[in-house]
Each structure stands twice: as structure tokens, then as C-alpha cells.
């Protein structure tokens, strides 16, 4: 998606917004060298709980 937010001096966080039309937020944080794919199973469960929609 290419969305970054400033979180500190010289530090930006890459953001994946799976459903920007909703107002509920869940923050998943992974360590290096992981990426958003680590949360595949969690992201697939969110629509069942009316949190978001998977890609």
C-alpha cells in the first residue's frame, strides 16, 4: 500500500490498512525480518468479528 507514519525521529512505520472505511483499529507489530504475512490467519478471522475485511 505504501502508507508510512512517523513514529519518532528518523523512524517511520509501514501501515497496512485492510479496510479504511471502518473505525475499529487493531495494531499488529512484528519483528525483523517479518512482515504483514505473519498475521495471515489473524487477518482472515477479523471479518468474522466485524472488525475488517481481508484482502
C-alpha atoms as a PDB file:
ATOM      1  CA  UNK A   1       0.000   0.000   0.000  1.00  0.00           C
ATOM      2  CA  UNK A   2       2.904   2.380   0.636  1.00  0.00           C
ATOM      3  CA  UNK A   3       1.476   4.197   3.662  1.00  0.00           C
ATOM      4  CA  UNK A   4       4.005   5.260   6.298  1.00  0.00           C
ATOM      5  CA  UNK A   5       3.522   7.123   9.567  1.00  0.00           C
ATOM      6  CA  UNK A   6       6.186   8.988  11.560  1.00  0.00           C
ATOM      7  CA  UNK A   7       6.707   7.364  14.942  1.00  0.00           C
ATOM      8  CA  UNK A   8       9.887   9.115  16.034  1.00  0.00           C
ATOM      9  CA  UNK A   9      12.934  10.998  14.807  1.00  0.00           C
ATOM     10  CA  UNK A  10      14.107   9.278  11.609  1.00  0.00           C
ATOM     11  CA  UNK A  11      11.677   6.391  12.228  1.00  0.00           C
ATOM     12  CA  UNK A  12       8.689   5.552  10.030  1.00  0.00           C
ATOM     13  CA  UNK A  13       6.287   2.636  10.336  1.00  0.00           C
ATOM     14  CA  UNK A  14       4.776   0.906   7.305  1.00  0.00           C
ATOM     15  CA  UNK A  15       0.990   0.677   7.686  1.00  0.00           C
ATOM     16  CA  UNK A  16      -1.405  -1.889   6.137  1.00  0.00           C
ATOM     17  CA  UNK A  17      -4.989  -0.659   6.270  1.00  0.00           C
ATOM     18  CA  UNK A  18      -7.215  -3.599   5.307  1.00  0.00           C
ATOM     19  CA  UNK A  19     -10.447  -1.616   5.486  1.00  0.00           C
ATOM     20  CA  UNK A  20     -10.106   2.175   5.751  1.00  0.00           C
ATOM     21  CA  UNK A  21     -13.897   2.702   5.777  1.00  0.00           C
ATOM     22  CA  UNK A  22     -14.219   1.184   9.260  1.00  0.00           C
ATOM     23  CA  UNK A  23     -13.467   2.907  12.554  1.00  0.00           C
ATOM     24  CA  UNK A  24     -12.150  -0.059  14.557  1.00  0.00           C
ATOM     25  CA  UNK A  25      -8.383  -0.415  14.859  1.00  0.00           C
ATOM     26  CA  UNK A  26      -6.151  -3.333  15.733  1.00  0.00           C
ATOM     27  CA  UNK A  27      -2.397  -2.904  15.745  1.00  0.00           C
ATOM     28  CA  UNK A  28      -0.213  -5.883  14.859  1.00  0.00           C
ATOM     29  CA  UNK A  29       3.526  -5.437  15.380  1.00  0.00           C
ATOM     30  CA  UNK A  30       6.123  -7.865  14.078  1.00  0.00           C
ATOM     31  CA  UNK A  31       9.856  -8.014  14.490  1.00  0.00           C
ATOM     32  CA  UNK A  32      12.558  -8.035  11.895  1.00  0.00           C
ATOM     33  CA  UNK A  33      12.732  -9.704   9.366  1.00  0.00           C
ATOM     34  CA  UNK A  34       8.986 -10.438   9.459  1.00  0.00           C
ATOM     35  CA  UNK A  35       6.244  -8.706   7.505  1.00  0.00           C
ATOM     36  CA  UNK A  36       2.448  -8.446   7.436  1.00  0.00           C
ATOM     37  CA  UNK A  37       2.209 -12.012   6.109  1.00  0.00           C
ATOM     38  CA  UNK A  38       2.918 -13.271   9.634  1.00  0.00           C
ATOM     39  CA  UNK A  39      -0.638 -12.249  10.534  1.00  0.00           C
ATOM     40  CA  UNK A  40      -2.388 -14.023   7.653  1.00  0.00           C
ATOM     41  CA  UNK A  41      -4.540 -16.222   9.883  1.00  0.00           C
ATOM     42  CA  UNK A  42      -5.482 -13.386  12.247  1.00  0.00           C
ATOM     43  CA  UNK A  43      -6.431 -11.111   9.347  1.00  0.00           C
ATOM     44  CA  UNK A  44      -8.654 -13.837   7.902  1.00  0.00           C
ATOM     45  CA  UNK A  45     -10.597 -14.031  11.185  1.00  0.00           C
ATOM     46  CA  UNK A  46     -11.290 -10.296  11.522  1.00  0.00           C
ATOM     47  CA  UNK A  47     -14.312 -10.146   9.175  1.00  0.00           C
ATOM     48  CA  UNK A  48     -16.000 -12.866  11.235  1.00  0.00           C
ATOM     49  CA  UNK A  49     -15.811 -10.480  14.188  1.00  0.00           C
ATOM     50  CA  UNK A  50     -16.947  -7.430  12.175  1.00  0.00           C
ATOM     51  CA  UNK A  51     -13.507  -5.834  12.521  1.00  0.00           C
ATOM     52  CA  UNK A  52     -12.431  -5.558   8.882  1.00  0.00           C
ATOM     53  CA  UNK A  53     -12.329  -7.340   5.612  1.00  0.00           C
ATOM     54  CA  UNK A  54      -9.407  -9.370   4.363  1.00  0.00           C
ATOM     55  CA  UNK A  55      -7.737  -8.540   1.070  1.00  0.00           C
END
